[in-house]
Amino acid sequence: MPRLAAGFWVRAYLARLRLADIPAFVVAKGDEQAGAVLIKVNTLDGQAAAYQRIMAMDGSRPWDVLAQGDDAEVEAALTRQRGYDRDLWLIEVEDRAGRHLLDEPGLAD
């Protein structure tokens, strides 16, 4: 199955978050066509989690935890990732309940 352009996916994701009244913003704009997308979920209590897509053995592309815990440690992990790949997108979601919608249909894999 062909993949969506990264920029298109990001805009659709931000729209779904807006519909659910979940604040989010683009921290780093990556390559419009093929940039990887990282999602940081900040629970506004000093804790955070970062998610990335992985390639599963069955060919699906589920979301997986890249880093989780203290916000500063998660931010350090994201900074390292940006050092490896300057074309990646970084989206920050701010939700006290930790909602990110990545497990919903159309976003899950």
C-alpha atoms as a PDB file:
ATOM      1  CA  MET A   1       0.000   0.000   0.000  1.00  0.00           C
ATOM      2  CA  PRO A   2       1.433   3.431  -0.886  1.00  0.00           C
ATOM      3  CA  ARG A   3       2.262   5.736   1.995  1.00  0.00           C
ATOM      4  CA  LEU A   4       0.835   9.210   2.448  1.00  0.00           C
ATOM      5  CA  ALA A   5       3.183  12.160   2.082  1.00  0.00           C
ATOM      6  CA  ALA A   6       4.455  13.153   5.518  1.00  0.00           C
ATOM      7  CA  GLY A   7       3.191  16.731   5.306  1.00  0.00           C
ATOM      8  CA  PHE A   8      -0.298  15.567   4.344  1.00  0.00           C
ATOM      9  CA  TRP A   9      -0.379  13.070   7.219  1.00  0.00           C
ATOM     10  CA  VAL A  10       0.767  15.731   9.709  1.00  0.00           C
ATOM     11  CA  ARG A  11      -1.931  18.186   8.602  1.00  0.00           C
ATOM     12  CA  ALA A  12      -4.611  15.479   8.877  1.00  0.00           C
ATOM     13  CA  TYR A  13      -3.327  14.434  12.321  1.00  0.00           C
ATOM     14  CA  LEU A  14      -3.373  18.019  13.598  1.00  0.00           C
ATOM     15  CA  ALA A  15      -6.942  18.417  12.297  1.00  0.00           C
ATOM     16  CA  ARG A  16      -8.065  15.276  14.175  1.00  0.00           C
ATOM     17  CA  LEU A  17      -6.444  16.532  17.352  1.00  0.00           C
ATOM     18  CA  ARG A  18      -8.194  19.906  16.960  1.00  0.00           C
ATOM     19  CA  LEU A  19     -11.553  18.137  16.576  1.00  0.00           C
ATOM     20  CA  ALA A  20     -10.891  16.369  19.886  1.00  0.00           C
ATOM     21  CA  ASP A  21      -9.840  19.662  21.554  1.00  0.00           C
ATOM     22  CA  ILE A  22      -6.299  18.394  22.090  1.00  0.00           C
ATOM     23  CA  PRO A  23      -3.678  21.148  21.671  1.00  0.00           C
ATOM     24  CA  ALA A  24      -0.770  20.306  19.383  1.00  0.00           C
ATOM     25  CA  PHE A  25       1.796  22.142  17.329  1.00  0.00           C
ATOM     26  CA  VAL A  26       4.642  21.523  14.902  1.00  0.00           C
ATOM     27  CA  VAL A  27       7.990  21.870  16.675  1.00  0.00           C
ATOM     28  CA  ALA A  28      10.064  20.884  13.641  1.00  0.00           C
ATOM     29  CA  LYS A  29       8.899  20.784  10.034  1.00  0.00           C
ATOM     30  CA  GLY A  30      10.426  17.889   8.144  1.00  0.00           C
ATOM     31  CA  ASP A  31      10.526  16.812   4.530  1.00  0.00           C
ATOM     32  CA  GLU A  32       7.077  17.311   2.984  1.00  0.00           C
ATOM     33  CA  GLN A  33       7.138  13.996   1.117  1.00  0.00           C
ATOM     34  CA  ALA A  34       9.134  11.455   3.071  1.00  0.00           C
ATOM     35  CA  GLY A  35      10.132  12.899   6.449  1.00  0.00           C
ATOM     36  CA  ALA A  36       9.754  10.647   9.468  1.00  0.00           C
ATOM     37  CA  VAL A  37       7.241  11.832  12.078  1.00  0.00           C
ATOM     38  CA  LEU A  38       7.842  11.818  15.825  1.00  0.00           C
ATOM     39  CA  ILE A  39       5.053  12.618  18.272  1.00  0.00           C
ATOM     40  CA  LYS A  40       5.813  14.001  21.743  1.00  0.00           C
ATOM     41  CA  VAL A  41       2.974  13.839  24.264  1.00  0.00           C
ATOM     42  CA  ASN A  42       3.498  16.281  27.128  1.00  0.00           C
ATOM     43  CA  THR A  43       1.192  15.669  30.101  1.00  0.00           C
ATOM     44  CA  LEU A  44       2.105  19.079  31.578  1.00  0.00           C
ATOM     45  CA  ASP A  45       3.247  17.567  34.875  1.00  0.00           C
ATOM     46  CA  GLY A  46       6.932  17.145  34.039  1.00  0.00           C
ATOM     47  CA  GLN A  47       6.322  13.829  32.268  1.00  0.00           C
ATOM     48  CA  ALA A  48       6.232  13.062  28.556  1.00  0.00           C
ATOM     49  CA  ALA A  49       6.377  10.271  26.000  1.00  0.00           C
ATOM     50  CA  ALA A  50       7.689  10.235  22.440  1.00  0.00           C
ATOM     51  CA  TYR A  51       6.361   7.930  19.736  1.00  0.00           C
ATOM     52  CA  GLN A  52       7.823   6.820  16.423  1.00  0.00           C
ATOM     53  CA  ARG A  53       6.678   4.546  13.616  1.00  0.00           C
ATOM     54  CA  ILE A  54       8.389   1.201  13.345  1.00  0.00           C
ATOM     55  CA  MET A  55       8.308  -1.408  10.597  1.00  0.00           C
ATOM     56  CA  ALA A  56       6.767  -4.595  12.003  1.00  0.00           C
ATOM     57  CA  MET A  57       7.564  -8.068  10.679  1.00  0.00           C
ATOM     58  CA  ASP A  58       4.124  -8.263   9.020  1.00  0.00           C
ATOM     59  CA  GLY A  59       4.773  -5.066   7.043  1.00  0.00           C
ATOM     60  CA  SER A  60       2.534  -2.877   9.193  1.00  0.00           C
ATOM     61  CA  ARG A  61       3.863   0.385  10.637  1.00  0.00           C
ATOM     62  CA  PRO A  62       2.591   0.696  14.229  1.00  0.00           C
ATOM     63  CA  TRP A  63       3.533   3.461  16.648  1.00  0.00           C
ATOM     64  CA  ASP A  64       6.105   2.544  19.294  1.00  0.00           C
ATOM     65  CA  VAL A  65       7.455   4.363  22.346  1.00  0.00           C
ATOM     66  CA  LEU A  66      10.804   6.010  21.599  1.00  0.00           C
ATOM     67  CA  ALA A  67      11.220   7.525  25.083  1.00  0.00           C
ATOM     68  CA  GLN A  68       9.046   7.960  28.152  1.00  0.00           C
ATOM     69  CA  GLY A  69       9.450   9.566  31.564  1.00  0.00           C
ATOM     70  CA  ASP A  70      10.861  12.890  32.681  1.00  0.00           C
ATOM     71  CA  ASP A  71      10.174  15.608  30.112  1.00  0.00           C
ATOM     72  CA  ALA A  72      13.837  16.658  29.981  1.00  0.00           C
ATOM     73  CA  GLU A  73      14.943  13.085  29.217  1.00  0.00           C
ATOM     74  CA  VAL A  74      12.321  12.708  26.477  1.00  0.00           C
ATOM     75  CA  GLU A  75      13.393  16.050  25.015  1.00  0.00           C
ATOM     76  CA  ALA A  76      17.040  14.884  25.027  1.00  0.00           C
ATOM     77  CA  ALA A  77      16.058  11.724  23.126  1.00  0.00           C
ATOM     78  CA  LEU A  78      14.197  13.821  20.539  1.00  0.00           C
ATOM     79  CA  THR A  79      17.183  16.164  20.169  1.00  0.00           C
ATOM     80  CA  ARG A  80      19.399  13.132  19.467  1.00  0.00           C
ATOM     81  CA  GLN A  81      16.936  11.898  16.827  1.00  0.00           C
ATOM     82  CA  ARG A  82      16.936  15.331  15.157  1.00  0.00           C
ATOM     83  CA  GLY A  83      20.737  15.139  15.107  1.00  0.00           C
ATOM     84  CA  TYR A  84      20.527  11.914  13.101  1.00  0.00           C
ATOM     85  CA  ASP A  85      17.754  13.051  10.752  1.00  0.00           C
ATOM     86  CA  ARG A  86      17.251  16.740   9.963  1.00  0.00           C
ATOM     87  CA  ASP A  87      14.249  15.912   7.728  1.00  0.00           C
ATOM     88  CA  LEU A  88      12.007  14.558  10.461  1.00  0.00           C
ATOM     89  CA  TRP A  89       8.816  16.147  11.734  1.00  0.00           C
ATOM     90  CA  LEU A  90       8.297  16.698  15.441  1.00  0.00           C
ATOM     91  CA  ILE A  91       4.747  17.249  16.669  1.00  0.00           C
ATOM     92  CA  GLU A  92       4.112  18.123  20.324  1.00  0.00           C
ATOM     93  CA  VAL A  93       0.756  17.222  21.830  1.00  0.00           C
ATOM     94  CA  GLU A  94      -0.208  18.753  25.174  1.00  0.00           C
ATOM     95  CA  ASP A  95      -2.809  16.796  27.100  1.00  0.00           C
ATOM     96  CA  ARG A  96      -2.970  16.159  30.840  1.00  0.00           C
ATOM     97  CA  ALA A  97      -4.606  12.750  30.210  1.00  0.00           C
ATOM     98  CA  GLY A  98      -1.885  11.777  27.715  1.00  0.00           C
ATOM     99  CA  ARG A  99      -4.290  11.439  24.770  1.00  0.00           C
ATOM    100  CA  HIS A 100      -2.627  11.296  21.366  1.00  0.00           C
ATOM    101  CA  LEU A 101      -5.162   9.469  19.128  1.00  0.00           C
ATOM    102  CA  LEU A 102      -2.375   7.351  17.563  1.00  0.00           C
ATOM    103  CA  ASP A 103      -4.330   4.187  18.418  1.00  0.00           C
ATOM    104  CA  GLU A 104      -7.420   5.311  16.478  1.00  0.00           C
ATOM    105  CA  PRO A 105      -8.413   3.931  13.040  1.00  0.00           C
ATOM    106  CA  GLY A 106      -6.482   5.610  10.257  1.00  0.00           C
ATOM    107  CA  LEU A 107      -3.627   6.541  12.570  1.00  0.00           C
ATOM    108  CA  ALA A 108      -2.836   3.236  14.280  1.00  0.00           C
ATOM    109  CA  ASP A 109      -0.870   1.643  11.410  1.00  0.00           C
END
